[in-house]
Every structure is written in structure tokens, then in C-alpha cells.
Amino acid sequence: MEKTNDPIITMRDLKMNFGDKEVLRGINLDVYKGQIIGYIGPNGAGKSTTVKIMLGLIEGYTGQIEIFGQSINNGDIEYKRRIGYVPETAEIYDSLTAKEYLTFIGELYGLDNEHVDNKAMNLMKIFGLEGAYNSRISSYSKGMKQKVLIISSLIHNPDILFWDEPLSGLDANSVMIVKEILAQLAAEGKTIFYSSHIMDVVEKISSRIVLLNGGQIVADGSFEELKHESREGSLEDIFNQLTGFNKHKELAEEFVSIVREGASI
């Protein structure tokens, strides 16, 4: 979707230190309604830190962030009602059933208990989990838990989604469903921050790709624009070129040679 009106998220000179470590080194970014942002970078590049600052989970940054046209450091947390979040590693209350957990999440956002119960059951049914709705989450597989997290991030119909490795543990059919869900949500004007190390998925679903390296934005544009600028064929190739990682083949050969040591055939 093309840029429309004012940005829904604005960052200006965003910086963050953890002790002596400079994690964010001046992020400037405007995000618009209906964009799927592939927010990528190596481990430690600052992706999760950026998202956690926007969610109000981390303080101590410098710079300015506006979401829905208002600064997030003005003490008003109302904007959080319009945000959904799937963290990379989530602490889920797995002693609860999915019904208990999802109705609890819905009530946190002010939804009526009966309404959210019905809504949660119908969403579980789409993922083929209606039979487990009243089972404790501790009995779920990793993929089942991930589906519950995805549902919990959407139960209140948010305007912005922050998803960190959302496809972790999902089967191929569920991946196709989730990718289509994202496309339809973006077409309705929802804004999605999508962070993953699975480059081919980011390449396919993102309308815009923002690549962080060393706490700075080193690339920003559509996949076609980045491909044209870097003259590389895939997002993985672009990623490796811009982050300076080009030793994967040599390291793999060294790894396999060590595995072979002392092995008898």
C-alpha cells in the first residue's frame, strides 16, 4: 500500500545505550498506514530494542517517538490499546486453558467476556484448534502455543502489529494462512512490523524492508528497490552484502570437516 497522509509511527534520532554498549545509534523512520515492514538485521542489531521502546517496555532512550501522532513519553498509555504484539520468546500462562488465557487478554483490552470468548473460539477453529480450546496450554505443542499467541495479538482488532518470528513452530498450511491474514490486514489499513530471520518469507510478504546493522538503518525500501541498488538476487544476498557476512560457506565447510574427524565409514 502506498504512503497515505501522515505517518502512523515516527522516530527521530532514536538512541539507546545499555551500559557502555550503544545499541541504537540514531534511528530515523516514518511508517505509514497499511505497510508491512520487514524489520530485519543480525542478532544484536537493535530490532527487539526498537520494538520494546515503542511498546513502552524499555525506558532510558533519547530521541523522539510518535505513534498515532502523539509522543509516547507523555505518560498517556492509551495508544497501547491499539497495538498487538507477538514477542520472539513469550512467557505464556500455560497453566490456563486457551479459553481462560484469551478471554483474560480480551478483558485487559476492555472486551466483553462473552464476546471475546465467542471470538476466541471462532479464531481457534480457523487454526483447527477448537478441540483444544478448553485444554491447558501446558499440553500444547510449540506450534499450537504460537497460534494462541497470534490470536491473542489480534483479539482486540489492533491498528499496529509487532510480530517477532511469528511463524516459529507453525506447519506449512498454517504459515500460508498467516501470510494471507497479514496481506488482508494490510489491505484493510493495518500496519505490521514483521521481524524474522527467514529471509524468503520477509522478501515475499513485506511492502517495505528496513535493515538494521550495528544500531543503524543501512537499507530501507521495497525488495525490488533494494535488489536494484545492491544488484543482488535475493534478500538473503542483500542481507549478507550489507551486513558484511560472507563467510557462511567457509564456516559450514569447517564445521562439516570437524564433524568428519575420527569418523569411520
C-alpha atoms as a PDB file:
ATOM      1  CA  MET A   1       0.000   0.000   0.000  1.00  0.00           C
ATOM      2  CA  GLU A   2       1.256   3.469  -0.841  1.00  0.00           C
ATOM      3  CA  LYS A   3       2.008   6.154   1.724  1.00  0.00           C
ATOM      4  CA  THR A   4      -1.132   7.972   2.763  1.00  0.00           C
ATOM      5  CA  ASN A   5      -1.494  11.084   4.889  1.00  0.00           C
ATOM      6  CA  ASP A   6       0.693  11.447   7.970  1.00  0.00           C
ATOM      7  CA  PRO A   7       2.931   8.654   9.292  1.00  0.00           C
ATOM      8  CA  ILE A   8       1.383   6.366  11.906  1.00  0.00           C
ATOM      9  CA  ILE A   9       4.821   5.914  13.551  1.00  0.00           C
ATOM     10  CA  THR A  10       7.625   8.481  13.573  1.00  0.00           C
ATOM     11  CA  MET A  11      11.110   8.036  15.038  1.00  0.00           C
ATOM     12  CA  ARG A  12      13.660  10.813  15.204  1.00  0.00           C
ATOM     13  CA  ASP A  13      17.284  10.307  16.293  1.00  0.00           C
ATOM     14  CA  LEU A  14      16.348   7.328  18.479  1.00  0.00           C
ATOM     15  CA  LYS A  15      19.322   6.236  20.587  1.00  0.00           C
ATOM     16  CA  MET A  16      19.657   3.649  23.334  1.00  0.00           C
ATOM     17  CA  ASN A  17      22.607   2.511  25.453  1.00  0.00           C
ATOM     18  CA  PHE A  18      22.826  -0.466  27.781  1.00  0.00           C
ATOM     19  CA  GLY A  19      25.748   0.499  29.990  1.00  0.00           C
ATOM     20  CA  ASP A  20      28.680   1.184  27.682  1.00  0.00           C
ATOM     21  CA  LYS A  21      27.053  -0.647  24.777  1.00  0.00           C
ATOM     22  CA  GLU A  22      25.449   1.603  22.159  1.00  0.00           C
ATOM     23  CA  VAL A  23      22.521  -0.454  20.867  1.00  0.00           C
ATOM     24  CA  LEU A  24      20.651   2.166  18.812  1.00  0.00           C
ATOM     25  CA  ARG A  25      22.708   4.883  17.164  1.00  0.00           C
ATOM     26  CA  GLY A  26      20.180   7.333  15.748  1.00  0.00           C
ATOM     27  CA  ILE A  27      17.148   5.699  14.116  1.00  0.00           C
ATOM     28  CA  ASN A  28      15.045   7.925  11.846  1.00  0.00           C
ATOM     29  CA  LEU A  29      11.953   6.295  10.410  1.00  0.00           C
ATOM     30  CA  ASP A  30       8.452   7.163   9.202  1.00  0.00           C
ATOM     31  CA  VAL A  31       5.961   4.292   8.956  1.00  0.00           C
ATOM     32  CA  TYR A  32       2.632   4.649   7.163  1.00  0.00           C
ATOM     33  CA  LYS A  33      -0.778   3.051   7.472  1.00  0.00           C
ATOM     34  CA  GLY A  34      -1.122  -0.245   5.616  1.00  0.00           C
ATOM     35  CA  GLN A  35       2.586  -1.014   5.310  1.00  0.00           C
ATOM     36  CA  ILE A  36       4.081  -4.406   6.146  1.00  0.00           C
ATOM     37  CA  ILE A  37       7.563  -3.516   7.379  1.00  0.00           C
ATOM     38  CA  GLY A  38      10.091  -6.328   7.215  1.00  0.00           C
ATOM     39  CA  TYR A  39      12.250  -5.213  10.151  1.00  0.00           C
ATOM     40  CA  ILE A  40      15.411  -7.293   9.874  1.00  0.00           C
ATOM     41  CA  GLY A  41      19.052  -7.409  10.945  1.00  0.00           C
ATOM     42  CA  PRO A  42      21.642  -9.648  12.598  1.00  0.00           C
ATOM     43  CA  ASN A  43      21.297 -10.641  16.250  1.00  0.00           C
ATOM     44  CA  GLY A  44      22.145  -7.622  18.388  1.00  0.00           C
ATOM     45  CA  ALA A  45      21.376  -5.102  15.630  1.00  0.00           C
ATOM     46  CA  GLY A  46      18.711  -3.379  17.772  1.00  0.00           C
ATOM     47  CA  LYS A  47      15.463  -4.748  16.296  1.00  0.00           C
ATOM     48  CA  SER A  48      13.885  -6.016  19.527  1.00  0.00           C
ATOM     49  CA  THR A  49      15.107  -2.955  21.434  1.00  0.00           C
ATOM     50  CA  THR A  50      13.364  -0.638  18.952  1.00  0.00           C
ATOM     51  CA  VAL A  51      10.104  -2.562  19.236  1.00  0.00           C
ATOM     52  CA  LYS A  52      10.236  -2.759  23.045  1.00  0.00           C
ATOM     53  CA  ILE A  53      10.777   1.007  23.246  1.00  0.00           C
ATOM     54  CA  MET A  54       7.696   1.574  21.063  1.00  0.00           C
ATOM     55  CA  LEU A  55       5.712  -0.785  23.289  1.00  0.00           C
ATOM     56  CA  GLY A  56       6.768   1.151  26.384  1.00  0.00           C
ATOM     57  CA  LEU A  57       8.673  -1.839  27.797  1.00  0.00           C
ATOM     58  CA  ILE A  58      12.058  -0.090  27.840  1.00  0.00           C
ATOM     59  CA  GLU A  59      12.895   3.385  29.123  1.00  0.00           C
ATOM     60  CA  GLY A  60      16.088   5.428  29.098  1.00  0.00           C
ATOM     61  CA  TYR A  61      16.250   6.136  25.364  1.00  0.00           C
ATOM     62  CA  THR A  62      16.875   9.524  23.797  1.00  0.00           C
ATOM     63  CA  GLY A  63      15.166  10.924  20.729  1.00  0.00           C
ATOM     64  CA  GLN A  64      11.505  11.190  19.845  1.00  0.00           C
ATOM     65  CA  ILE A  65       8.858   8.593  19.022  1.00  0.00           C
ATOM     66  CA  GLU A  66       5.318   9.436  17.978  1.00  0.00           C
ATOM     67  CA  ILE A  67       2.630   6.797  17.476  1.00  0.00           C
ATOM     68  CA  PHE A  68      -0.796   7.834  16.165  1.00  0.00           C
ATOM     69  CA  GLY A  69       0.544  11.402  16.114  1.00  0.00           C
ATOM     70  CA  GLN A  70       1.346  11.589  19.838  1.00  0.00           C
ATOM     71  CA  SER A  71       4.630  11.282  21.720  1.00  0.00           C
ATOM     72  CA  ILE A  72       4.825   8.016  23.662  1.00  0.00           C
ATOM     73  CA  ASN A  73       6.737   9.636  26.546  1.00  0.00           C
ATOM     74  CA  ASN A  74       3.927  11.992  27.536  1.00  0.00           C
ATOM     75  CA  GLY A  75       2.591   9.497  30.106  1.00  0.00           C
ATOM     76  CA  ASP A  76      -0.521   8.582  28.110  1.00  0.00           C
ATOM     77  CA  ILE A  77      -0.588   4.805  27.538  1.00  0.00           C
ATOM     78  CA  GLU A  78      -3.910   4.771  25.688  1.00  0.00           C
ATOM     79  CA  TYR A  79      -2.092   4.099  22.391  1.00  0.00           C
ATOM     80  CA  LYS A  80      -1.223   0.604  23.661  1.00  0.00           C
ATOM     81  CA  ARG A  81      -4.861  -0.433  23.295  1.00  0.00           C
ATOM     82  CA  ARG A  82      -4.370  -0.190  19.534  1.00  0.00           C
ATOM     83  CA  ILE A  83      -1.262  -2.391  19.393  1.00  0.00           C
ATOM     84  CA  GLY A  84      -0.828  -6.166  19.141  1.00  0.00           C
ATOM     85  CA  TYR A  85       2.425  -7.959  19.959  1.00  0.00           C
ATOM     86  CA  VAL A  86       3.914 -11.411  19.406  1.00  0.00           C
ATOM     87  CA  PRO A  87       7.369 -11.500  21.069  1.00  0.00           C
ATOM     88  CA  GLU A  88      10.100 -13.852  19.885  1.00  0.00           C
ATOM     89  CA  THR A  89      10.112 -15.678  23.224  1.00  0.00           C
ATOM     90  CA  ALA A  90       6.851 -15.312  25.081  1.00  0.00           C
ATOM     91  CA  GLU A  91       6.010 -16.147  28.649  1.00  0.00           C
ATOM     92  CA  ILE A  92       2.529 -17.567  28.297  1.00  0.00           C
ATOM     93  CA  TYR A  93       0.352 -18.565  31.263  1.00  0.00           C
ATOM     94  CA  ASP A  94       0.352 -22.226  30.300  1.00  0.00           C
ATOM     95  CA  SER A  95      -1.431 -23.364  33.456  1.00  0.00           C
ATOM     96  CA  LEU A  96      -4.540 -21.727  31.941  1.00  0.00           C
ATOM     97  CA  THR A  97      -6.687 -23.151  29.186  1.00  0.00           C
ATOM     98  CA  ALA A  98      -6.724 -21.294  25.848  1.00  0.00           C
ATOM     99  CA  LYS A  99     -10.250 -20.144  26.704  1.00  0.00           C
ATOM    100  CA  GLU A 100      -9.098 -18.693  30.043  1.00  0.00           C
ATOM    101  CA  TYR A 101      -5.987 -17.102  28.581  1.00  0.00           C
ATOM    102  CA  LEU A 102      -7.643 -15.491  25.547  1.00  0.00           C
ATOM    103  CA  THR A 103     -10.655 -14.192  27.477  1.00  0.00           C
ATOM    104  CA  PHE A 104      -8.231 -12.757  30.059  1.00  0.00           C
ATOM    105  CA  ILE A 105      -6.294 -10.956  27.300  1.00  0.00           C
ATOM    106  CA  GLY A 106      -9.539  -9.693  25.763  1.00  0.00           C
ATOM    107  CA  GLU A 107     -10.764  -8.344  29.088  1.00  0.00           C
ATOM    108  CA  LEU A 108      -7.452  -6.478  29.543  1.00  0.00           C
ATOM    109  CA  TYR A 109      -8.397  -4.581  26.391  1.00  0.00           C
ATOM    110  CA  GLY A 110     -11.907  -3.912  27.695  1.00  0.00           C
ATOM    111  CA  LEU A 111     -13.758  -6.524  25.642  1.00  0.00           C
ATOM    112  CA  ASP A 112     -16.932  -8.160  26.959  1.00  0.00           C
ATOM    113  CA  ASN A 113     -16.254 -11.660  28.325  1.00  0.00           C
ATOM    114  CA  GLU A 114     -18.948 -13.430  26.307  1.00  0.00           C
ATOM    115  CA  HIS A 115     -17.992 -11.581  23.129  1.00  0.00           C
ATOM    116  CA  VAL A 116     -14.271 -12.367  23.430  1.00  0.00           C
ATOM    117  CA  ASP A 117     -14.997 -16.000  24.345  1.00  0.00           C
ATOM    118  CA  ASN A 118     -17.040 -16.460  21.168  1.00  0.00           C
ATOM    119  CA  LYS A 119     -14.482 -14.587  19.088  1.00  0.00           C
ATOM    120  CA  ALA A 120     -11.543 -16.594  20.505  1.00  0.00           C
ATOM    121  CA  MET A 121     -13.318 -19.915  19.885  1.00  0.00           C
ATOM    122  CA  ASN A 122     -14.002 -18.997  16.263  1.00  0.00           C
ATOM    123  CA  LEU A 123     -10.387 -17.930  15.719  1.00  0.00           C
ATOM    124  CA  MET A 124      -9.126 -21.175  17.305  1.00  0.00           C
ATOM    125  CA  LYS A 125     -11.425 -23.072  14.935  1.00  0.00           C
ATOM    126  CA  ILE A 126      -9.762 -21.435  11.894  1.00  0.00           C
ATOM    127  CA  PHE A 127      -6.452 -22.931  13.068  1.00  0.00           C
ATOM    128  CA  GLY A 128      -8.052 -26.327  13.710  1.00  0.00           C
ATOM    129  CA  LEU A 129      -7.711 -25.993  17.495  1.00  0.00           C
ATOM    130  CA  GLU A 130     -11.330 -25.914  18.610  1.00  0.00           C
ATOM    131  CA  GLY A 131     -10.920 -29.323  20.278  1.00  0.00           C
ATOM    132  CA  ALA A 132      -8.136 -27.942  22.475  1.00  0.00           C
ATOM    133  CA  TYR A 133      -9.890 -24.712  23.459  1.00  0.00           C
ATOM    134  CA  ASN A 134     -10.626 -25.980  26.977  1.00  0.00           C
ATOM    135  CA  SER A 135      -7.301 -27.801  27.419  1.00  0.00           C
ATOM    136  CA  ARG A 136      -4.426 -26.400  29.425  1.00  0.00           C
ATOM    137  CA  ILE A 137      -1.842 -24.630  27.265  1.00  0.00           C
ATOM    138  CA  SER A 138       0.900 -26.663  29.016  1.00  0.00           C
ATOM    139  CA  SER A 139      -0.334 -29.659  26.979  1.00  0.00           C
ATOM    140  CA  TYR A 140       0.086 -27.792  23.662  1.00  0.00           C
ATOM    141  CA  SER A 141       2.845 -28.244  21.101  1.00  0.00           C
ATOM    142  CA  LYS A 142       5.089 -25.283  20.218  1.00  0.00           C
ATOM    143  CA  GLY A 143       3.068 -24.606  17.066  1.00  0.00           C
ATOM    144  CA  MET A 144      -0.226 -24.660  18.972  1.00  0.00           C
ATOM    145  CA  LYS A 145       1.128 -22.184  21.526  1.00  0.00           C
ATOM    146  CA  GLN A 146       2.302 -19.938  18.706  1.00  0.00           C
ATOM    147  CA  LYS A 147      -1.188 -19.913  17.206  1.00  0.00           C
ATOM    148  CA  VAL A 148      -2.635 -18.877  20.583  1.00  0.00           C
ATOM    149  CA  LEU A 149      -0.098 -16.025  20.756  1.00  0.00           C
ATOM    150  CA  ILE A 150      -1.049 -14.873  17.252  1.00  0.00           C
ATOM    151  CA  ILE A 151      -4.741 -14.934  18.200  1.00  0.00           C
ATOM    152  CA  SER A 152      -4.028 -13.036  21.446  1.00  0.00           C
ATOM    153  CA  SER A 153      -2.244 -10.293  19.477  1.00  0.00           C
ATOM    154  CA  LEU A 154      -5.279  -9.832  17.214  1.00  0.00           C
ATOM    155  CA  ILE A 155      -8.220 -10.465  19.564  1.00  0.00           C
ATOM    156  CA  HIS A 156      -8.812  -6.716  20.131  1.00  0.00           C
ATOM    157  CA  ASN A 157      -8.516  -5.765  16.418  1.00  0.00           C
ATOM    158  CA  PRO A 158      -5.398  -3.550  16.792  1.00  0.00           C
ATOM    159  CA  ASP A 159      -4.213  -0.971  14.257  1.00  0.00           C
ATOM    160  CA  ILE A 160      -0.498  -1.821  14.597  1.00  0.00           C
ATOM    161  CA  LEU A 161       1.013  -5.290  14.922  1.00  0.00           C
ATOM    162  CA  PHE A 162       4.525  -6.045  16.137  1.00  0.00           C
ATOM    163  CA  TRP A 163       5.348  -9.652  15.263  1.00  0.00           C
ATOM    164  CA  ASP A 164       8.769 -11.131  16.098  1.00  0.00           C
ATOM    165  CA  GLU A 165       9.379 -14.543  14.469  1.00  0.00           C
ATOM    166  CA  PRO A 166       5.611 -15.224  14.347  1.00  0.00           C
ATOM    167  CA  LEU A 167       5.880 -18.356  12.184  1.00  0.00           C
ATOM    168  CA  SER A 168       8.079 -20.228  14.678  1.00  0.00           C
ATOM    169  CA  GLY A 169       6.840 -23.799  15.032  1.00  0.00           C
ATOM    170  CA  LEU A 170       3.951 -23.458  12.562  1.00  0.00           C
ATOM    171  CA  ASP A 171       3.176 -26.151   9.998  1.00  0.00           C
ATOM    172  CA  ALA A 172       3.184 -25.320   6.256  1.00  0.00           C
ATOM    173  CA  ASN A 173      -0.603 -24.909   5.996  1.00  0.00           C
ATOM    174  CA  SER A 174      -0.722 -22.534   8.975  1.00  0.00           C
ATOM    175  CA  VAL A 175       2.151 -20.492   7.505  1.00  0.00           C
ATOM    176  CA  MET A 176       0.103 -19.991   4.329  1.00  0.00           C
ATOM    177  CA  ILE A 177      -2.941 -18.923   6.369  1.00  0.00           C
ATOM    178  CA  VAL A 178      -0.924 -16.449   8.473  1.00  0.00           C
ATOM    179  CA  LYS A 179       0.749 -14.923   5.400  1.00  0.00           C
ATOM    180  CA  GLU A 180      -2.679 -14.374   3.842  1.00  0.00           C
ATOM    181  CA  ILE A 181      -4.017 -12.929   7.118  1.00  0.00           C
ATOM    182  CA  LEU A 182      -1.179 -10.373   7.052  1.00  0.00           C
ATOM    183  CA  ALA A 183      -1.922  -9.408   3.449  1.00  0.00           C
ATOM    184  CA  GLN A 184      -5.627  -8.898   4.201  1.00  0.00           C
ATOM    185  CA  LEU A 185      -4.932  -6.918   7.389  1.00  0.00           C
ATOM    186  CA  ALA A 186      -2.553  -4.606   5.492  1.00  0.00           C
ATOM    187  CA  ALA A 187      -5.169  -4.157   2.741  1.00  0.00           C
ATOM    188  CA  GLU A 188      -7.574  -3.000   5.477  1.00  0.00           C
ATOM    189  CA  GLY A 189      -5.043  -0.375   6.598  1.00  0.00           C
ATOM    190  CA  LYS A 190      -3.379  -2.207   9.489  1.00  0.00           C
ATOM    191  CA  THR A 191       0.340  -1.529   9.931  1.00  0.00           C
ATOM    192  CA  ILE A 192       2.595  -4.501  10.590  1.00  0.00           C
ATOM    193  CA  PHE A 193       6.165  -4.628  11.908  1.00  0.00           C
ATOM    194  CA  TYR A 194       7.387  -8.088  10.934  1.00  0.00           C
ATOM    195  CA  SER A 195      10.743  -9.273  12.259  1.00  0.00           C
ATOM    196  CA  SER A 196      12.246 -12.591  11.203  1.00  0.00           C
ATOM    197  CA  HIS A 197      15.450 -14.323  10.179  1.00  0.00           C
ATOM    198  CA  ILE A 198      13.582 -16.283   7.487  1.00  0.00           C
ATOM    199  CA  MET A 199      14.572 -14.047   4.593  1.00  0.00           C
ATOM    200  CA  ASP A 200      12.464 -15.650   1.864  1.00  0.00           C
ATOM    201  CA  VAL A 201       9.271 -15.050   3.891  1.00  0.00           C
ATOM    202  CA  VAL A 202      10.239 -11.417   4.634  1.00  0.00           C
ATOM    203  CA  GLU A 203      11.013 -10.953   0.947  1.00  0.00           C
ATOM    204  CA  LYS A 204       7.583 -12.225  -0.108  1.00  0.00           C
ATOM    205  CA  ILE A 205       5.281 -10.561   2.424  1.00  0.00           C
ATOM    206  CA  SER A 206       6.875  -7.137   3.028  1.00  0.00           C
ATOM    207  CA  SER A 207       5.831  -3.994   1.190  1.00  0.00           C
ATOM    208  CA  ARG A 208       8.901  -2.315   2.683  1.00  0.00           C
ATOM    209  CA  ILE A 209      12.104  -3.715   4.168  1.00  0.00           C
ATOM    210  CA  VAL A 210      14.141  -1.907   6.836  1.00  0.00           C
ATOM    211  CA  LEU A 211      17.548  -3.445   7.545  1.00  0.00           C
ATOM    212  CA  LEU A 212      19.348  -2.619  10.788  1.00  0.00           C
ATOM    213  CA  ASN A 213      23.038  -3.233  11.334  1.00  0.00           C
ATOM    214  CA  GLY A 214      25.011  -2.033  14.340  1.00  0.00           C
ATOM    215  CA  GLY A 215      22.098   0.048  15.629  1.00  0.00           C
ATOM    216  CA  GLN A 216      21.646   1.994  12.385  1.00  0.00           C
ATOM    217  CA  ILE A 217      19.392   1.690   9.342  1.00  0.00           C
ATOM    218  CA  VAL A 218      21.554   0.577   6.410  1.00  0.00           C
ATOM    219  CA  ALA A 219      18.754  -0.104   3.898  1.00  0.00           C
ATOM    220  CA  ASP A 220      15.126   0.996   3.525  1.00  0.00           C
ATOM    221  CA  GLY A 221      12.853   0.285   0.582  1.00  0.00           C
ATOM    222  CA  SER A 222      10.827  -2.329  -1.244  1.00  0.00           C
ATOM    223  CA  PHE A 223      12.546  -5.603  -2.114  1.00  0.00           C
ATOM    224  CA  GLU A 224      12.718  -4.557  -5.774  1.00  0.00           C
ATOM    225  CA  GLU A 225      14.346  -1.237  -4.814  1.00  0.00           C
ATOM    226  CA  LEU A 226      16.914  -2.936  -2.586  1.00  0.00           C
ATOM    227  CA  LYS A 227      17.626  -5.551  -5.237  1.00  0.00           C
ATOM    228  CA  HIS A 228      18.197  -2.828  -7.853  1.00  0.00           C
ATOM    229  CA  GLU A 229      20.501  -0.823  -5.560  1.00  0.00           C
ATOM    230  CA  SER A 230      22.623  -3.763  -4.444  1.00  0.00           C
ATOM    231  CA  ARG A 231      22.470  -5.775  -7.693  1.00  0.00           C
ATOM    232  CA  GLU A 232      21.825  -8.911  -5.679  1.00  0.00           C
ATOM    233  CA  GLY A 233      19.237 -11.545  -6.477  1.00  0.00           C
ATOM    234  CA  SER A 234      17.684 -12.454  -3.132  1.00  0.00           C
ATOM    235  CA  LEU A 235      17.045 -10.725   0.179  1.00  0.00           C
ATOM    236  CA  GLU A 236      19.476 -13.144   1.810  1.00  0.00           C
ATOM    237  CA  ASP A 237      22.187 -11.997  -0.631  1.00  0.00           C
ATOM    238  CA  ILE A 238      21.345  -8.328   0.069  1.00  0.00           C
ATOM    239  CA  PHE A 239      21.394  -9.008   3.825  1.00  0.00           C
ATOM    240  CA  ASN A 240      24.808 -10.667   3.632  1.00  0.00           C
ATOM    241  CA  GLN A 241      26.238  -7.902   1.452  1.00  0.00           C
ATOM    242  CA  LEU A 242      25.051  -5.050   3.695  1.00  0.00           C
ATOM    243  CA  THR A 243      25.927  -6.715   7.000  1.00  0.00           C
ATOM    244  CA  GLY A 244      29.325  -7.878   5.754  1.00  0.00           C
ATOM    245  CA  PHE A 245      28.634 -11.562   6.413  1.00  0.00           C
ATOM    246  CA  ASN A 246      30.160 -13.556   3.560  1.00  0.00           C
ATOM    247  CA  LYS A 247      31.829 -16.477   5.303  1.00  0.00           C
ATOM    248  CA  HIS A 248      28.860 -18.853   5.581  1.00  0.00           C
ATOM    249  CA  LYS A 249      30.283 -21.321   3.034  1.00  0.00           C
ATOM    250  CA  GLU A 250      33.751 -21.424   4.616  1.00  0.00           C
ATOM    251  CA  LEU A 251      32.330 -21.770   8.138  1.00  0.00           C
ATOM    252  CA  ALA A 252      29.998 -24.567   7.003  1.00  0.00           C
ATOM    253  CA  GLU A 253      32.915 -26.413   5.386  1.00  0.00           C
ATOM    254  CA  GLU A 254      34.977 -26.065   8.585  1.00  0.00           C
ATOM    255  CA  PHE A 255      32.029 -27.290  10.684  1.00  0.00           C
ATOM    256  CA  VAL A 256      31.492 -30.364   8.493  1.00  0.00           C
ATOM    257  CA  SER A 257      35.222 -31.146   8.456  1.00  0.00           C
ATOM    258  CA  ILE A 258      35.239 -31.189  12.282  1.00  0.00           C
ATOM    259  CA  VAL A 259      32.147 -33.442  12.290  1.00  0.00           C
ATOM    260  CA  ARG A 260      34.041 -35.857   9.992  1.00  0.00           C
ATOM    261  CA  GLU A 261      37.067 -36.076  12.334  1.00  0.00           C
ATOM    262  CA  GLY A 262      37.696 -39.610  13.520  1.00  0.00           C
ATOM    263  CA  ALA A 263      34.538 -40.877  11.836  1.00  0.00           C
ATOM    264  CA  SER A 264      34.696 -44.349  10.331  1.00  0.00           C
ATOM    265  CA  ILE A 265      32.642 -45.186   7.259  1.00  0.00           C
END
